[in-house]
């Protein structure tokens, strides 16, 4: 990453893994299975590249800045996965 392209974070779009688990648990309370969201659920969603249809079907991706040593999950709430 260089000075021309700073690492920008956007509240309401960018989450740590645990913050996204908390967000989904607050918004949906439980998964359709009746269980709370866990870190493993987020890992599966990242492999697919989107949240399940029941939770908005929004694309998700990982942003990484190796200089800082941080990985952030970005959820694109403005679109849905096709």
C-alpha atoms as a PDB file:
ATOM      1  CA  UNK A   1       0.000   0.000   0.000  1.00  0.00           C
ATOM      2  CA  UNK A   2       1.356   3.435  -0.780  1.00  0.00           C
ATOM      3  CA  UNK A   3       0.483   6.991   0.185  1.00  0.00           C
ATOM      4  CA  UNK A   4      -1.650   7.461  -2.938  1.00  0.00           C
ATOM      5  CA  UNK A   5      -3.967   4.620  -1.872  1.00  0.00           C
ATOM      6  CA  UNK A   6      -4.499   4.786   1.891  1.00  0.00           C
ATOM      7  CA  UNK A   7      -6.280   1.990   3.704  1.00  0.00           C
ATOM      8  CA  UNK A   8      -9.753   3.434   4.298  1.00  0.00           C
ATOM      9  CA  UNK A   9     -12.315   1.926   6.658  1.00  0.00           C
ATOM     10  CA  UNK A  10     -16.033   2.599   6.429  1.00  0.00           C
ATOM     11  CA  UNK A  11     -18.273   2.166   9.482  1.00  0.00           C
ATOM     12  CA  UNK A  12     -21.366   0.139   8.663  1.00  0.00           C
ATOM     13  CA  UNK A  13     -19.528  -1.608   5.828  1.00  0.00           C
ATOM     14  CA  UNK A  14     -16.249  -2.823   7.293  1.00  0.00           C
ATOM     15  CA  UNK A  15     -16.056  -5.313  10.149  1.00  0.00           C
ATOM     16  CA  UNK A  16     -13.629  -7.489  11.994  1.00  0.00           C
ATOM     17  CA  UNK A  17     -14.776 -11.110  12.022  1.00  0.00           C
ATOM     18  CA  UNK A  18     -16.073 -10.885  15.578  1.00  0.00           C
ATOM     19  CA  UNK A  19     -17.785  -7.546  14.895  1.00  0.00           C
ATOM     20  CA  UNK A  20     -19.623  -9.081  11.918  1.00  0.00           C
ATOM     21  CA  UNK A  21     -20.727 -12.006  14.112  1.00  0.00           C
ATOM     22  CA  UNK A  22     -22.043  -9.480  16.655  1.00  0.00           C
ATOM     23  CA  UNK A  23     -23.787  -7.456  13.933  1.00  0.00           C
ATOM     24  CA  UNK A  24     -25.555 -10.511  12.491  1.00  0.00           C
ATOM     25  CA  UNK A  25     -26.577 -11.738  15.948  1.00  0.00           C
ATOM     26  CA  UNK A  26     -28.003  -8.306  16.798  1.00  0.00           C
ATOM     27  CA  UNK A  27     -29.801  -7.877  13.481  1.00  0.00           C
ATOM     28  CA  UNK A  28     -31.169 -11.411  12.998  1.00  0.00           C
ATOM     29  CA  UNK A  29     -30.874 -12.719  16.596  1.00  0.00           C
ATOM     30  CA  UNK A  30     -30.448 -16.324  15.414  1.00  0.00           C
ATOM     31  CA  UNK A  31     -29.734 -18.216  12.212  1.00  0.00           C
ATOM     32  CA  UNK A  32     -32.587 -20.120  10.580  1.00  0.00           C
ATOM     33  CA  UNK A  33     -31.320 -23.180  12.489  1.00  0.00           C
ATOM     34  CA  UNK A  34     -32.158 -21.435  15.755  1.00  0.00           C
ATOM     35  CA  UNK A  35     -28.481 -21.124  16.707  1.00  0.00           C
ATOM     36  CA  UNK A  36     -26.446 -17.923  17.035  1.00  0.00           C
ATOM     37  CA  UNK A  37     -23.964 -16.848  14.379  1.00  0.00           C
ATOM     38  CA  UNK A  38     -20.392 -17.999  15.058  1.00  0.00           C
ATOM     39  CA  UNK A  39     -16.942 -17.246  13.632  1.00  0.00           C
ATOM     40  CA  UNK A  40     -17.129 -20.436  11.539  1.00  0.00           C
ATOM     41  CA  UNK A  41     -20.256 -19.125   9.812  1.00  0.00           C
ATOM     42  CA  UNK A  42     -18.386 -16.006   8.722  1.00  0.00           C
ATOM     43  CA  UNK A  43     -15.524 -18.134   7.387  1.00  0.00           C
ATOM     44  CA  UNK A  44     -17.995 -20.094   5.249  1.00  0.00           C
ATOM     45  CA  UNK A  45     -19.636 -16.923   3.954  1.00  0.00           C
ATOM     46  CA  UNK A  46     -16.198 -15.583   2.998  1.00  0.00           C
ATOM     47  CA  UNK A  47     -15.414 -18.767   1.057  1.00  0.00           C
ATOM     48  CA  UNK A  48     -18.651 -18.292  -0.889  1.00  0.00           C
ATOM     49  CA  UNK A  49     -18.138 -14.549  -1.253  1.00  0.00           C
ATOM     50  CA  UNK A  50     -21.588 -13.533  -0.035  1.00  0.00           C
ATOM     51  CA  UNK A  51     -24.016 -13.725   2.852  1.00  0.00           C
ATOM     52  CA  UNK A  52     -26.839 -16.278   2.543  1.00  0.00           C
ATOM     53  CA  UNK A  53     -30.122 -15.138   0.954  1.00  0.00           C
ATOM     54  CA  UNK A  54     -31.860 -15.162   4.343  1.00  0.00           C
ATOM     55  CA  UNK A  55     -29.412 -12.514   5.536  1.00  0.00           C
ATOM     56  CA  UNK A  56     -29.442 -10.199   2.517  1.00  0.00           C
ATOM     57  CA  UNK A  57     -27.329 -12.127  -0.039  1.00  0.00           C
ATOM     58  CA  UNK A  58     -24.810  -9.251   0.017  1.00  0.00           C
ATOM     59  CA  UNK A  59     -21.312  -9.724  -1.437  1.00  0.00           C
ATOM     60  CA  UNK A  60     -18.511  -9.827   1.118  1.00  0.00           C
ATOM     61  CA  UNK A  61     -14.768  -9.610   0.664  1.00  0.00           C
ATOM     62  CA  UNK A  62     -11.594  -9.374   2.711  1.00  0.00           C
ATOM     63  CA  UNK A  63      -9.465  -6.246   2.643  1.00  0.00           C
ATOM     64  CA  UNK A  64      -5.918  -6.659   3.828  1.00  0.00           C
ATOM     65  CA  UNK A  65      -3.115  -4.259   4.606  1.00  0.00           C
ATOM     66  CA  UNK A  66       0.077  -6.247   5.106  1.00  0.00           C
ATOM     67  CA  UNK A  67       2.022  -3.210   6.339  1.00  0.00           C
ATOM     68  CA  UNK A  68      -0.350  -2.807   9.268  1.00  0.00           C
ATOM     69  CA  UNK A  69      -1.140  -6.512   9.571  1.00  0.00           C
ATOM     70  CA  UNK A  70      -4.906  -6.126   9.469  1.00  0.00           C
ATOM     71  CA  UNK A  71      -7.682  -7.956   7.653  1.00  0.00           C
ATOM     72  CA  UNK A  72     -11.165  -6.471   7.444  1.00  0.00           C
ATOM     73  CA  UNK A  73     -14.381  -7.894   6.042  1.00  0.00           C
ATOM     74  CA  UNK A  74     -16.289  -5.525   3.776  1.00  0.00           C
ATOM     75  CA  UNK A  75     -20.005  -6.127   3.259  1.00  0.00           C
ATOM     76  CA  UNK A  76     -21.537  -4.464   0.200  1.00  0.00           C
ATOM     77  CA  UNK A  77     -25.029  -3.724   1.542  1.00  0.00           C
ATOM     78  CA  UNK A  78     -25.890  -1.733  -1.594  1.00  0.00           C
ATOM     79  CA  UNK A  79     -25.907  -4.808  -3.819  1.00  0.00           C
ATOM     80  CA  UNK A  80     -26.879  -8.455  -3.798  1.00  0.00           C
ATOM     81  CA  UNK A  81     -24.994 -11.452  -5.094  1.00  0.00           C
ATOM     82  CA  UNK A  82     -26.288 -12.754  -8.434  1.00  0.00           C
END
